[in-house]
PDB file of N, CA and C in Angstrom:
ATOM      1  N   MET A   1     106.705  84.712  85.893  1.00  0.00           N
ATOM      2  CA  MET A   1     107.188  83.836  87.339  1.00  0.00           C
ATOM      3  C   MET A   1     107.229  85.131  88.089  1.00  0.00           C
ATOM      4  N   ALA A   2     107.078  86.218  87.819  1.00  0.00           N
ATOM      5  CA  ALA A   2     106.894  87.840  88.350  1.00  0.00           C
ATOM      6  C   ALA A   2     105.095  87.943  88.672  1.00  0.00           C
ATOM      7  N   GLN A   3     104.543  87.382  87.388  1.00  0.00           N
ATOM      8  CA  GLN A   3     102.799  87.534  87.792  1.00  0.00           C
ATOM      9  C   GLN A   3     102.485  86.604  89.135  1.00  0.00           C
ATOM     10  N   ASP A   4     102.885  85.443  88.830  1.00  0.00           N
ATOM     11  CA  ASP A   4     102.879  84.778  90.195  1.00  0.00           C
ATOM     12  C   ASP A   4     103.357  85.342  91.602  1.00  0.00           C
ATOM     13  N   TYR A   5     104.542  86.485  91.704  1.00  0.00           N
ATOM     14  CA  TYR A   5     104.711  87.286  92.647  1.00  0.00           C
ATOM     15  C   TYR A   5     104.185  88.313  93.175  1.00  0.00           C
ATOM     16  N   GLU A   6     103.459  88.883  91.488  1.00  0.00           N
ATOM     17  CA  GLU A   6     102.298  89.930  91.586  1.00  0.00           C
ATOM     18  C   GLU A   6     101.876  89.439  92.682  1.00  0.00           C
ATOM     19  N   ARG A   7     100.945  88.291  92.138  1.00  0.00           N
ATOM     20  CA  ARG A   7      99.853  87.705  92.723  1.00  0.00           C
ATOM     21  C   ARG A   7      99.626  87.203  94.028  1.00  0.00           C
ATOM     22  N   LEU A   8     101.001  86.922  94.707  1.00  0.00           N
ATOM     23  CA  LEU A   8     100.628  86.941  95.541  1.00  0.00           C
ATOM     24  C   LEU A   8     100.791  87.115  96.564  1.00  0.00           C
ATOM     25  N   ARG A   9     101.682  88.821  96.344  1.00  0.00           N
ATOM     26  CA  ARG A   9     102.275  90.120  97.306  1.00  0.00           C
ATOM     27  C   ARG A   9     100.178  90.427  96.948  1.00  0.00           C
ATOM     28  N   VAL A  10      99.687  89.932  95.960  1.00  0.00           N
ATOM     29  CA  VAL A  10      98.155  91.038  96.267  1.00  0.00           C
ATOM     30  C   VAL A  10      97.782  90.176  97.510  1.00  0.00           C
ATOM     31  N   GLN A  11      97.992  88.740  97.802  1.00  0.00           N
ATOM     32  CA  GLN A  11      96.676  87.525  97.754  1.00  0.00           C
ATOM     33  C   GLN A  11      97.017  87.749  99.594  1.00  0.00           C
ATOM     34  N   LEU A  12      98.929  88.432  99.596  1.00  0.00           N
ATOM     35  CA  LEU A  12      98.987  88.431 101.081  1.00  0.00           C
ATOM     36  C   LEU A  12      98.683  89.383 101.109  1.00  0.00           C
ATOM     37  N   ALA A  13      98.559  90.550 100.853  1.00  0.00           N
ATOM     38  CA  ALA A  13      98.315  92.160 101.521  1.00  0.00           C
ATOM     39  C   ALA A  13      96.562  91.789 101.254  1.00  0.00           C
ATOM     40  N   GLU A  14      95.658  91.448 100.932  1.00  0.00           N
ATOM     41  CA  GLU A  14      94.035  91.179 101.477  1.00  0.00           C
ATOM     42  C   GLU A  14      93.936  90.247 102.273  1.00  0.00           C
ATOM     43  N   ASN A  15      94.583  89.817 102.214  1.00  0.00           N
ATOM     44  CA  ASN A  15      94.495  87.841 103.272  1.00  0.00           C
ATOM     45  C   ASN A  15      94.320  89.165 104.565  1.00  0.00           C
ATOM     46  N   ILE A  16      96.041  89.670 104.818  1.00  0.00           N
ATOM     47  CA  ILE A  16      96.719  90.522 106.210  1.00  0.00           C
ATOM     48  C   ILE A  16      95.070  91.584 106.625  1.00  0.00           C
ATOM     49  N   ARG A  17      95.171  92.627 105.488  1.00  0.00           N
ATOM     50  CA  ARG A  17      93.640  92.943 105.689  1.00  0.00           C
ATOM     51  C   ARG A  17      92.509  92.673 106.419  1.00  0.00           C
ATOM     52  N   LEU A  18      92.206  91.285 105.751  1.00  0.00           N
ATOM     53  CA  LEU A  18      90.748  90.373 106.121  1.00  0.00           C
ATOM     54  C   LEU A  18      91.167  89.955 107.505  1.00  0.00           C
ATOM     55  N   MET A  19      92.399  89.679 107.846  1.00  0.00           N
ATOM     56  CA  MET A  19      92.174  89.406 109.391  1.00  0.00           C
ATOM     57  C   MET A  19      92.537  89.709 110.261  1.00  0.00           C
ATOM     58  N   ARG A  20      93.021  91.115 110.021  1.00  0.00           N
ATOM     59  CA  ARG A  20      93.263  92.055 110.781  1.00  0.00           C
ATOM     60  C   ARG A  20      91.811  92.702 111.192  1.00  0.00           C
ATOM     61  N   ARG A  21      90.613  92.841 110.373  1.00  0.00           N
ATOM     62  CA  ARG A  21      89.801  92.982 110.101  1.00  0.00           C
ATOM     63  C   ARG A  21      88.384  92.540 111.122  1.00  0.00           C
ATOM     64  N   VAL A  22      89.315  91.251 110.853  1.00  0.00           N
ATOM     65  CA  VAL A  22      88.619  90.030 111.173  1.00  0.00           C
ATOM     66  C   VAL A  22      88.856  90.189 113.178  1.00  0.00           C
ATOM     67  N   LYS A  23      89.860  89.491 113.228  1.00  0.00           N
ATOM     68  CA  LYS A  23      90.355  90.279 114.256  1.00  0.00           C
ATOM     69  C   LYS A  23      89.935  91.485 115.268  1.00  0.00           C
ATOM     70  N   ASN A  24      89.532  92.389 114.903  1.00  0.00           N
ATOM     71  CA  ASN A  24      89.356  93.806 115.287  1.00  0.00           C
ATOM     72  C   ASN A  24      90.290  94.427 115.718  1.00  0.00           C
ATOM     73  N   LEU A  25      91.241  94.015 114.653  1.00  0.00           N
ATOM     74  CA  LEU A  25      92.116  95.605 115.296  1.00  0.00           C
ATOM     75  C   LEU A  25      92.685  96.704 114.175  1.00  0.00           C
ATOM     76  N   THR A  26      93.693  97.005 114.848  1.00  0.00           N
ATOM     77  CA  THR A  26      93.280  98.600 114.065  1.00  0.00           C
ATOM     78  C   THR A  26      94.872  98.350 113.364  1.00  0.00           C
ATOM     79  N   GLN A  27      95.421  98.784 112.575  1.00  0.00           N
ATOM     80  CA  GLN A  27      96.677  98.832 111.506  1.00  0.00           C
ATOM     81  C   GLN A  27      97.757  99.301 112.678  1.00  0.00           C
ATOM     82  N   GLU A  28      97.806 100.044 113.923  1.00  0.00           N
ATOM     83  CA  GLU A  28      98.690 100.496 114.852  1.00  0.00           C
ATOM     84  C   GLU A  28      98.672  99.171 116.240  1.00  0.00           C
ATOM     85  N   GLN A  29      97.263  98.749 116.097  1.00  0.00           N
ATOM     86  CA  GLN A  29      97.203  97.658 117.387  1.00  0.00           C
ATOM     87  C   GLN A  29      98.085  96.579 116.792  1.00  0.00           C
ATOM     88  N   LEU A  30      98.142  95.721 115.596  1.00  0.00           N
ATOM     89  CA  LEU A  30      98.659  94.990 114.258  1.00  0.00           C
ATOM     90  C   LEU A  30     100.484  95.509 114.505  1.00  0.00           C
ATOM     91  N   ALA A  31     100.682  96.386 114.812  1.00  0.00           N
ATOM     92  CA  ALA A  31     102.262  96.979 114.414  1.00  0.00           C
ATOM     93  C   ALA A  31     102.656  96.232 115.650  1.00  0.00           C
ATOM     94  N   LEU A  32     102.003  97.277 116.957  1.00  0.00           N
ATOM     95  CA  LEU A  32     102.451  96.988 118.365  1.00  0.00           C
ATOM     96  C   LEU A  32     102.357  95.598 118.643  1.00  0.00           C
ATOM     97  N   MET A  33     101.922  94.666 118.054  1.00  0.00           N
ATOM     98  CA  MET A  33     101.758  93.264 118.945  1.00  0.00           C
ATOM     99  C   MET A  33     102.487  92.599 117.771  1.00  0.00           C
ATOM    100  N   ALA A  34     102.979  93.058 116.236  1.00  0.00           N
ATOM    101  CA  ALA A  34     103.900  92.424 116.016  1.00  0.00           C
ATOM    102  C   ALA A  34     105.563  93.048 116.284  1.00  0.00           C
ATOM    103  N   GLU A  35     105.510  94.317 117.177  1.00  0.00           N
ATOM    104  CA  GLU A  35     106.979  94.846 116.806  1.00  0.00           C
ATOM    105  C   GLU A  35     107.168  95.435 115.971  1.00  0.00           C
ATOM    106  N   VAL A  36     106.200  95.837 114.720  1.00  0.00           N
ATOM    107  CA  VAL A  36     107.019  96.593 113.781  1.00  0.00           C
ATOM    108  C   VAL A  36     106.207  98.234 113.381  1.00  0.00           C
ATOM    109  N   ASP A  37     106.217  99.082 112.981  1.00  0.00           N
ATOM    110  CA  ASP A  37     105.509 100.346 112.670  1.00  0.00           C
ATOM    111  C   ASP A  37     104.638 100.192 112.188  1.00  0.00           C
ATOM    112  N   ARG A  38     103.944 101.180 112.516  1.00  0.00           N
ATOM    113  CA  ARG A  38     102.231 100.778 111.624  1.00  0.00           C
ATOM    114  C   ARG A  38     102.387 101.449 110.297  1.00  0.00           C
ATOM    115  N   THR A  39     103.592 102.426 109.527  1.00  0.00           N
ATOM    116  CA  THR A  39     102.739 102.692 108.158  1.00  0.00           C
ATOM    117  C   THR A  39     103.724 101.409 107.762  1.00  0.00           C
ATOM    118  N   TYR A  40     104.925 100.073 108.267  1.00  0.00           N
ATOM    119  CA  TYR A  40     104.893  98.902 107.631  1.00  0.00           C
ATOM    120  C   TYR A  40     103.722  98.163 107.175  1.00  0.00           C
ATOM    121  N   VAL A  41     102.858  98.012 107.925  1.00  0.00           N
ATOM    122  CA  VAL A  41     101.442  96.936 108.056  1.00  0.00           C
ATOM    123  C   VAL A  41     100.693  98.246 106.987  1.00  0.00           C
ATOM    124  N   SER A  42     100.786  99.267 107.058  1.00  0.00           N
ATOM    125  CA  SER A  42      99.980  99.957 106.102  1.00  0.00           C
ATOM    126  C   SER A  42     100.643  99.485 104.527  1.00  0.00           C
ATOM    127  N   GLN A  43     101.814  99.774 104.340  1.00  0.00           N
ATOM    128  CA  GLN A  43     102.854  99.209 102.851  1.00  0.00           C
ATOM    129  C   GLN A  43     102.230  97.618 102.908  1.00  0.00           C
ATOM    130  N   ILE A  44     102.576  96.861 103.697  1.00  0.00           N
ATOM    131  CA  ILE A  44     102.214  95.327 103.448  1.00  0.00           C
ATOM    132  C   ILE A  44     100.747  95.302 102.383  1.00  0.00           C
ATOM    133  N   GLU A  45      99.876  95.923 104.093  1.00  0.00           N
ATOM    134  CA  GLU A  45      98.132  95.787 103.005  1.00  0.00           C
ATOM    135  C   GLU A  45      98.310  96.821 102.036  1.00  0.00           C
ATOM    136  N   ARG A  46      98.884  97.908 101.279  1.00  0.00           N
ATOM    137  CA  ARG A  46      98.805  98.772  99.983  1.00  0.00           C
ATOM    138  C   ARG A  46      99.857  97.757  98.705  1.00  0.00           C
ATOM    139  N   CYS A  47     100.700  96.628  99.588  1.00  0.00           N
ATOM    140  CA  CYS A  47     101.324  95.636  97.575  1.00  0.00           C
ATOM    141  C   CYS A  47     103.133  97.093  97.544  1.00  0.00           C
ATOM    142  N   THR A  48     103.051  98.071  98.665  1.00  0.00           N
ATOM    143  CA  THR A  48     104.577  98.803  98.776  1.00  0.00           C
ATOM    144  C   THR A  48     105.689  98.302  99.705  1.00  0.00           C
ATOM    145  N   GLY A  49     105.193  97.373 100.347  1.00  0.00           N
ATOM    146  CA  GLY A  49     106.278  96.634 101.656  1.00  0.00           C
ATOM    147  C   GLY A  49     106.183  95.192 101.574  1.00  0.00           C
ATOM    148  N   ASN A  50     106.783  94.306 101.644  1.00  0.00           N
ATOM    149  CA  ASN A  50     107.312  93.077 101.980  1.00  0.00           C
ATOM    150  C   ASN A  50     108.160  92.872 102.961  1.00  0.00           C
ATOM    151  N   PRO A  51     107.191  92.193 103.716  1.00  0.00           N
ATOM    152  CA  PRO A  51     107.341  91.214 104.956  1.00  0.00           C
ATOM    153  C   PRO A  51     108.618  90.793 104.727  1.00  0.00           C
ATOM    154  N   SER A  52     109.580  90.802 105.770  1.00  0.00           N
ATOM    155  CA  SER A  52     110.456  89.928 106.168  1.00  0.00           C
ATOM    156  C   SER A  52     109.451  88.418 106.256  1.00  0.00           C
ATOM    157  N   LEU A  53     110.279  87.100 106.860  1.00  0.00           N
ATOM    158  CA  LEU A  53     109.692  85.771 106.926  1.00  0.00           C
ATOM    159  C   LEU A  53     109.072  86.236 108.634  1.00  0.00           C
ATOM    160  N   LEU A  54     110.417  86.788 109.064  1.00  0.00           N
ATOM    161  CA  LEU A  54     109.888  86.910 111.172  1.00  0.00           C
ATOM    162  C   LEU A  54     108.603  87.478 110.973  1.00  0.00           C
ATOM    163  N   VAL A  55     108.196  88.564 110.209  1.00  0.00           N
ATOM    164  CA  VAL A  55     106.923  89.054 110.411  1.00  0.00           C
ATOM    165  C   VAL A  55     105.803  88.289 109.828  1.00  0.00           C
ATOM    166  N   LEU A  56     106.170  87.780 108.640  1.00  0.00           N
ATOM    167  CA  LEU A  56     105.065  86.793 108.006  1.00  0.00           C
ATOM    168  C   LEU A  56     104.663  86.143 109.492  1.00  0.00           C
ATOM    169  N   CYS A  57     105.743  85.367 110.098  1.00  0.00           N
ATOM    170  CA  CYS A  57     105.884  84.513 110.640  1.00  0.00           C
ATOM    171  C   CYS A  57     104.839  84.822 112.463  1.00  0.00           C
ATOM    172  N   LYS A  58     105.591  85.844 112.252  1.00  0.00           N
ATOM    173  CA  LYS A  58     104.706  86.844 113.711  1.00  0.00           C
ATOM    174  C   LYS A  58     103.275  87.186 113.509  1.00  0.00           C
ATOM    175  N   LEU A  59     102.663  87.803 112.468  1.00  0.00           N
ATOM    176  CA  LEU A  59     101.297  88.315 111.919  1.00  0.00           C
ATOM    177  C   LEU A  59     100.455  86.753 111.885  1.00  0.00           C
ATOM    178  N   ALA A  60     100.645  85.422 111.582  1.00  0.00           N
ATOM    179  CA  ALA A  60     100.001  84.346 111.430  1.00  0.00           C
ATOM    180  C   ALA A  60      99.954  83.804 112.555  1.00  0.00           C
ATOM    181  N   ASN A  61     100.895  83.731 113.589  1.00  0.00           N
ATOM    182  CA  ASN A  61     100.868  83.542 115.663  1.00  0.00           C
ATOM    183  C   ASN A  61      99.726  84.824 116.211  1.00  0.00           C
ATOM    184  N   ILE A  62     100.027  86.298 115.528  1.00  0.00           N
ATOM    185  CA  ILE A  62      98.565  87.137 116.347  1.00  0.00           C
ATOM    186  C   ILE A  62      97.078  86.719 115.302  1.00  0.00           C
ATOM    187  N   PHE A  63      97.148  86.191 114.314  1.00  0.00           N
ATOM    188  CA  PHE A  63      95.871  85.311 113.829  1.00  0.00           C
ATOM    189  C   PHE A  63      95.335  83.944 114.049  1.00  0.00           C
ATOM    190  N   GLY A  64      96.685  83.520 114.395  1.00  0.00           N
ATOM    191  CA  GLY A  64      96.428  82.265 114.416  1.00  0.00           C
ATOM    192  C   GLY A  64      95.488  81.595 113.716  1.00  0.00           C
ATOM    193  N   ILE A  65      96.470  81.597 112.415  1.00  0.00           N
ATOM    194  CA  ILE A  65      96.733  81.074 111.263  1.00  0.00           C
ATOM    195  C   ILE A  65      98.219  80.659 111.047  1.00  0.00           C
ATOM    196  N   THR A  66      97.729  79.653 109.777  1.00  0.00           N
ATOM    197  CA  THR A  66      99.621  79.140 109.603  1.00  0.00           C
ATOM    198  C   THR A  66     100.337  80.347 108.243  1.00  0.00           C
ATOM    199  N   THR A  67     101.798  80.360 108.504  1.00  0.00           N
ATOM    200  CA  THR A  67     102.410  81.291 107.105  1.00  0.00           C
ATOM    201  C   THR A  67     101.352  81.005 105.687  1.00  0.00           C
ATOM    202  N   ASP A  68     101.852  79.757 105.253  1.00  0.00           N
ATOM    203  CA  ASP A  68     100.652  79.120 104.229  1.00  0.00           C
ATOM    204  C   ASP A  68      99.534  80.064 104.014  1.00  0.00           C
ATOM    205  N   GLN A  69      98.765  79.535 104.810  1.00  0.00           N
ATOM    206  CA  GLN A  69      96.839  80.459 105.209  1.00  0.00           C
ATOM    207  C   GLN A  69      97.411  81.519 104.547  1.00  0.00           C
ATOM    208  N   LEU A  70      98.578  82.445 104.659  1.00  0.00           N
ATOM    209  CA  LEU A  70      97.977  84.127 104.446  1.00  0.00           C
ATOM    210  C   LEU A  70      98.743  84.087 103.374  1.00  0.00           C
ATOM    211  N   LEU A  71      98.994  82.998 102.160  1.00  0.00           N
ATOM    212  CA  LEU A  71      99.302  83.161 101.126  1.00  0.00           C
ATOM    213  C   LEU A  71      97.934  82.661 100.043  1.00  0.00           C
ATOM    214  N   ILE A  72      97.517  82.158 100.584  1.00  0.00           N
ATOM    215  CA  ILE A  72      96.039  81.721 100.076  1.00  0.00           C
ATOM    216  C   ILE A  72      94.890  82.665  98.769  1.00  0.00           C
ATOM    217  N   GLU A  73      94.591  81.871  97.815  1.00  0.00           N
ATOM    218  CA  GLU A  73      92.836  82.855  97.891  1.00  0.00           C
ATOM    219  C   GLU A  73      92.347  83.951  98.819  1.00  0.00           C
ATOM    220  N   PRO A  74      92.558  84.898  99.291  1.00  0.00           N
ATOM    221  CA  PRO A  74      91.392  85.442  99.794  1.00  0.00           C
ATOM    222  C   PRO A  74      90.252  85.139 100.117  1.00  0.00           C
ATOM    223  N   THR A  75      89.457  84.337  98.288  1.00  0.00           N
ATOM    224  CA  THR A  75      88.545  83.869  98.636  1.00  0.00           C
ATOM    225  C   THR A  75      88.314  82.624  99.423  1.00  0.00           C
ATOM    226  N   ALA A  76      89.110  81.953  99.699  1.00  0.00           N
ATOM    227  CA  ALA A  76      89.637  80.431 100.497  1.00  0.00           C
ATOM    228  C   ALA A  76      89.861  81.019 102.243  1.00  0.00           C
ATOM    229  N   LEU A  77      90.333  81.972 102.116  1.00  0.00           N
ATOM    230  CA  LEU A  77      90.577  82.177 103.687  1.00  0.00           C
ATOM    231  C   LEU A  77      89.407  82.820 104.347  1.00  0.00           C
ATOM    232  N   GLN A  78      88.755  83.373 103.254  1.00  0.00           N
ATOM    233  CA  GLN A  78      87.513  83.567 103.851  1.00  0.00           C
ATOM    234  C   GLN A  78      86.205  82.522 104.607  1.00  0.00           C
ATOM    235  N   GLN A  79      86.098  81.748 103.117  1.00  0.00           N
ATOM    236  CA  GLN A  79      85.128  80.637 102.871  1.00  0.00           C
ATOM    237  C   GLN A  79      86.188  80.025 104.733  1.00  0.00           C
ATOM    238  N   MET A  80      87.389  79.939 104.337  1.00  0.00           N
ATOM    239  CA  MET A  80      87.788  79.011 105.837  1.00  0.00           C
ATOM    240  C   MET A  80      87.320  79.622 107.260  1.00  0.00           C
ATOM    241  N   LEU A  81      87.105  80.686 107.083  1.00  0.00           N
ATOM    242  CA  LEU A  81      87.052  81.565 108.601  1.00  0.00           C
ATOM    243  C   LEU A  81      85.284  82.025 108.946  1.00  0.00           C
ATOM    244  N   HIS A  82      84.380  81.658 107.958  1.00  0.00           N
ATOM    245  CA  HIS A  82      83.201  81.207 107.609  1.00  0.00           C
ATOM    246  C   HIS A  82      83.114  82.817 107.486  1.00  0.00           C
ATOM    247  N   VAL A  83      83.429  83.797 106.600  1.00  0.00           N
ATOM    248  CA  VAL A  83      83.874  85.010 106.739  1.00  0.00           C
ATOM    249  C   VAL A  83      82.706  85.961 105.646  1.00  0.00           C
ATOM    250  N   GLU A  84      81.555  86.827 105.773  1.00  0.00           N
ATOM    251  CA  GLU A  84      81.095  87.146 104.127  1.00  0.00           C
ATOM    252  C   GLU A  84      82.267  88.373 103.325  1.00  0.00           C
ATOM    253  N   SER A  85      82.863  88.534 102.564  1.00  0.00           N
ATOM    254  CA  SER A  85      83.349  89.542 101.859  1.00  0.00           C
ATOM    255  C   SER A  85      82.608  90.530 102.127  1.00  0.00           C
TER     256      SER A  85
END
């Protein structure tokens, strides 16, 4: 169970970083759009912070994807977006 949780945290962090870069946003810009602090975005991307469900929903909306897509394997998200790593 703990391994699954950690894997999801890493996938989420990688996917948020990927989507932020695809959308050409800085952490500060994303934070402003999501109405959170820039350091919170940084913590999420580094797996040191856990986003609330509300923040996950806001991020997914900003990125134009669903919340469950934020949790898929990063390579699958890249393929879905047709983005090279």
